[in-house]
Amino acid sequence: MKRVTMTEINAYLDGALNDRERAEFESMVESDPDAKAMLAQHRQHVEELHRLYDPVLTEEVPPKMLELLRKRNG
């Protein structure tokens, strides 16, 4: 039996698999308790990272940083 890789888990969670790949991945995960646990753990990790860091995406860029970027890009 083929083992699920972290690359596949990341692609699955990122929505990067096509329909066939997604179906194959889900079938592999359903038949492998270790893969199922690894997917659940990684999904939880990704959700926690989003909870912690997504708010930063809506913060304003500090004026000093903008000034430095403008000077650098001239």
N, C-alpha and C. Protein backbone atom coordinates (compact mmCIF):
# COMPACT_ATOMS: atom_id res chain seq x y z
N MET A 1 0.84 -1.19 0.00
CA MET A 1 0.00 0.00 0.00
C MET A 1 0.89 1.25 0.00
N LYS A 2 0.55 2.19 -0.82
CA LYS A 2 1.28 3.46 -0.91
C LYS A 2 1.02 4.29 0.34
N ARG A 3 2.07 4.88 0.88
CA ARG A 3 1.95 5.75 2.05
C ARG A 3 1.63 7.17 1.61
N VAL A 4 0.78 7.83 2.37
CA VAL A 4 0.44 9.23 2.12
C VAL A 4 1.63 10.09 2.51
N THR A 5 1.97 11.06 1.66
CA THR A 5 3.11 11.94 1.93
C THR A 5 2.61 13.30 2.44
N MET A 6 3.51 14.03 3.06
CA MET A 6 3.17 15.38 3.51
C MET A 6 2.88 16.29 2.32
N THR A 7 3.53 16.05 1.21
CA THR A 7 3.27 16.83 0.00
C THR A 7 1.81 16.65 -0.43
N GLU A 8 1.34 15.41 -0.38
CA GLU A 8 -0.05 15.13 -0.75
C GLU A 8 -1.02 15.75 0.25
N ILE A 9 -0.69 15.65 1.54
CA ILE A 9 -1.55 16.24 2.57
C ILE A 9 -1.64 17.75 2.37
N ASN A 10 -0.49 18.39 2.14
CA ASN A 10 -0.51 19.84 1.92
C ASN A 10 -1.32 20.20 0.68
N ALA A 11 -1.13 19.47 -0.40
CA ALA A 11 -1.87 19.75 -1.63
C ALA A 11 -3.36 19.56 -1.40
N TYR A 12 -3.74 18.55 -0.66
CA TYR A 12 -5.15 18.29 -0.35
C TYR A 12 -5.74 19.44 0.46
N LEU A 13 -5.05 19.82 1.52
CA LEU A 13 -5.56 20.89 2.38
C LEU A 13 -5.57 22.24 1.67
N ASP A 14 -4.67 22.43 0.72
CA ASP A 14 -4.62 23.68 -0.04
C ASP A 14 -5.61 23.71 -1.20
N GLY A 15 -6.29 22.58 -1.43
CA GLY A 15 -7.24 22.51 -2.54
C GLY A 15 -6.55 22.43 -3.90
N ALA A 16 -5.32 21.93 -3.93
CA ALA A 16 -4.54 21.91 -5.16
C ALA A 16 -4.70 20.61 -5.97
N LEU A 17 -5.45 19.65 -5.45
CA LEU A 17 -5.64 18.39 -6.18
C LEU A 17 -6.84 18.50 -7.11
N ASN A 18 -6.71 17.85 -8.28
CA ASN A 18 -7.88 17.80 -9.16
C ASN A 18 -8.86 16.75 -8.63
N ASP A 19 -10.00 16.60 -9.25
CA ASP A 19 -11.03 15.70 -8.74
C ASP A 19 -10.54 14.27 -8.60
N ARG A 20 -9.81 13.77 -9.60
CA ARG A 20 -9.30 12.40 -9.55
C ARG A 20 -8.29 12.23 -8.42
N GLU A 21 -7.34 13.17 -8.32
CA GLU A 21 -6.33 13.11 -7.27
C GLU A 21 -6.95 13.19 -5.88
N ARG A 22 -7.95 14.08 -5.74
CA ARG A 22 -8.62 14.23 -4.45
C ARG A 22 -9.32 12.94 -4.05
N ALA A 23 -10.01 12.32 -5.01
CA ALA A 23 -10.72 11.06 -4.73
C ALA A 23 -9.74 9.95 -4.34
N GLU A 24 -8.62 9.87 -5.05
CA GLU A 24 -7.60 8.86 -4.72
C GLU A 24 -7.01 9.11 -3.34
N PHE A 25 -6.73 10.37 -3.04
CA PHE A 25 -6.18 10.72 -1.73
C PHE A 25 -7.16 10.35 -0.62
N GLU A 26 -8.41 10.75 -0.78
CA GLU A 26 -9.41 10.46 0.24
C GLU A 26 -9.59 8.95 0.43
N SER A 27 -9.51 8.19 -0.64
CA SER A 27 -9.61 6.74 -0.55
C SER A 27 -8.42 6.17 0.23
N MET A 28 -7.21 6.68 -0.06
CA MET A 28 -6.03 6.21 0.67
C MET A 28 -6.15 6.52 2.16
N VAL A 29 -6.60 7.72 2.46
CA VAL A 29 -6.70 8.14 3.86
C VAL A 29 -7.75 7.31 4.60
N GLU A 30 -8.86 7.03 3.95
CA GLU A 30 -9.92 6.25 4.60
C GLU A 30 -9.48 4.83 4.92
N SER A 31 -8.56 4.29 4.13
CA SER A 31 -8.13 2.91 4.35
C SER A 31 -6.86 2.80 5.20
N ASP A 32 -6.34 3.92 5.67
CA ASP A 32 -5.10 3.92 6.46
C ASP A 32 -5.28 4.77 7.71
N PRO A 33 -5.47 4.12 8.86
CA PRO A 33 -5.69 4.88 10.11
C PRO A 33 -4.55 5.84 10.44
N ASP A 34 -3.30 5.47 10.13
CA ASP A 34 -2.17 6.36 10.40
C ASP A 34 -2.26 7.62 9.53
N ALA A 35 -2.62 7.43 8.26
CA ALA A 35 -2.75 8.57 7.35
C ALA A 35 -3.91 9.46 7.79
N LYS A 36 -4.98 8.84 8.24
CA LYS A 36 -6.14 9.60 8.71
C LYS A 36 -5.76 10.46 9.91
N ALA A 37 -5.00 9.89 10.83
CA ALA A 37 -4.56 10.63 12.01
C ALA A 37 -3.59 11.74 11.63
N MET A 38 -2.68 11.46 10.68
CA MET A 38 -1.72 12.46 10.24
C MET A 38 -2.45 13.63 9.56
N LEU A 39 -3.45 13.32 8.74
CA LEU A 39 -4.23 14.38 8.09
C LEU A 39 -4.96 15.23 9.13
N ALA A 40 -5.57 14.59 10.10
CA ALA A 40 -6.31 15.33 11.14
C ALA A 40 -5.37 16.24 11.92
N GLN A 41 -4.20 15.71 12.26
CA GLN A 41 -3.23 16.50 13.02
C GLN A 41 -2.73 17.69 12.19
N HIS A 42 -2.44 17.45 10.93
CA HIS A 42 -1.94 18.54 10.09
C HIS A 42 -3.04 19.57 9.84
N ARG A 43 -4.26 19.11 9.63
CA ARG A 43 -5.38 20.03 9.43
C ARG A 43 -5.53 20.93 10.65
N GLN A 44 -5.45 20.36 11.83
CA GLN A 44 -5.56 21.13 13.07
C GLN A 44 -4.41 22.14 13.17
N HIS A 45 -3.22 21.73 12.79
CA HIS A 45 -2.06 22.61 12.83
C HIS A 45 -2.27 23.80 11.88
N VAL A 46 -2.73 23.52 10.67
CA VAL A 46 -2.97 24.58 9.69
C VAL A 46 -4.05 25.54 10.19
N GLU A 47 -5.11 25.00 10.75
CA GLU A 47 -6.19 25.84 11.28
C GLU A 47 -5.69 26.74 12.40
N GLU A 48 -4.82 26.21 13.24
CA GLU A 48 -4.26 27.00 14.34
C GLU A 48 -3.37 28.11 13.81
N LEU A 49 -2.57 27.81 12.80
CA LEU A 49 -1.73 28.85 12.19
C LEU A 49 -2.59 29.96 11.59
N HIS A 50 -3.67 29.58 10.92
CA HIS A 50 -4.58 30.59 10.37
C HIS A 50 -5.20 31.44 11.48
N ARG A 51 -5.60 30.78 12.56
CA ARG A 51 -6.19 31.52 13.68
C ARG A 51 -5.22 32.52 14.26
N LEU A 52 -3.96 32.12 14.35
CA LEU A 52 -2.95 33.00 14.95
C LEU A 52 -2.50 34.12 14.02
N TYR A 53 -2.33 33.83 12.74
CA TYR A 53 -1.66 34.77 11.87
C TYR A 53 -2.53 35.45 10.81
N ASP A 54 -3.71 34.95 10.52
CA ASP A 54 -4.55 35.61 9.52
C ASP A 54 -4.89 37.06 9.89
N PRO A 55 -5.09 37.37 11.17
CA PRO A 55 -5.39 38.78 11.50
C PRO A 55 -4.31 39.76 11.05
N VAL A 56 -3.08 39.31 10.95
CA VAL A 56 -1.98 40.17 10.52
C VAL A 56 -2.20 40.64 9.08
N LEU A 57 -2.88 39.83 8.29
CA LEU A 57 -3.09 40.18 6.88
C LEU A 57 -3.93 41.43 6.69
N THR A 58 -4.71 41.79 7.69
CA THR A 58 -5.57 42.98 7.57
C THR A 58 -5.01 44.19 8.32
N GLU A 59 -3.87 44.01 8.96
CA GLU A 59 -3.25 45.13 9.67
C GLU A 59 -2.66 46.12 8.68
N GLU A 60 -2.66 47.38 9.04
CA GLU A 60 -2.01 48.39 8.21
C GLU A 60 -0.50 48.24 8.32
N VAL A 61 0.16 48.57 7.23
CA VAL A 61 1.63 48.55 7.25
C VAL A 61 2.08 49.77 8.05
N PRO A 62 2.97 49.57 9.01
CA PRO A 62 3.44 50.70 9.82
C PRO A 62 4.08 51.77 8.94
N PRO A 63 3.82 53.05 9.25
CA PRO A 63 4.35 54.16 8.44
C PRO A 63 5.87 54.11 8.25
N LYS A 64 6.60 53.77 9.29
CA LYS A 64 8.06 53.71 9.20
C LYS A 64 8.48 52.66 8.17
N MET A 65 7.80 51.53 8.15
CA MET A 65 8.12 50.48 7.19
C MET A 65 7.81 50.94 5.77
N LEU A 66 6.67 51.61 5.60
CA LEU A 66 6.33 52.15 4.28
C LEU A 66 7.40 53.13 3.80
N GLU A 67 7.84 53.97 4.71
CA GLU A 67 8.87 54.95 4.37
C GLU A 67 10.15 54.25 3.91
N LEU A 68 10.56 53.24 4.65
CA LEU A 68 11.77 52.51 4.28
C LEU A 68 11.63 51.81 2.94
N LEU A 69 10.46 51.23 2.69
CA LEU A 69 10.22 50.56 1.40
C LEU A 69 10.23 51.55 0.25
N ARG A 70 9.64 52.71 0.46
CA ARG A 70 9.63 53.72 -0.59
C ARG A 70 11.04 54.19 -0.91
N LYS A 71 11.86 54.39 0.13
CA LYS A 71 13.25 54.81 -0.07
C LYS A 71 14.03 53.73 -0.83
N ARG A 72 13.79 52.50 -0.47
CA ARG A 72 14.51 51.39 -1.08
C ARG A 72 14.12 51.21 -2.54
N ASN A 73 12.85 51.40 -2.84
CA ASN A 73 12.37 51.18 -4.21
C ASN A 73 12.42 52.45 -5.05
N GLY A 74 12.88 53.51 -4.43
CA GLY A 74 13.15 54.77 -5.01
C GLY A 74 12.24 55.42 -5.92
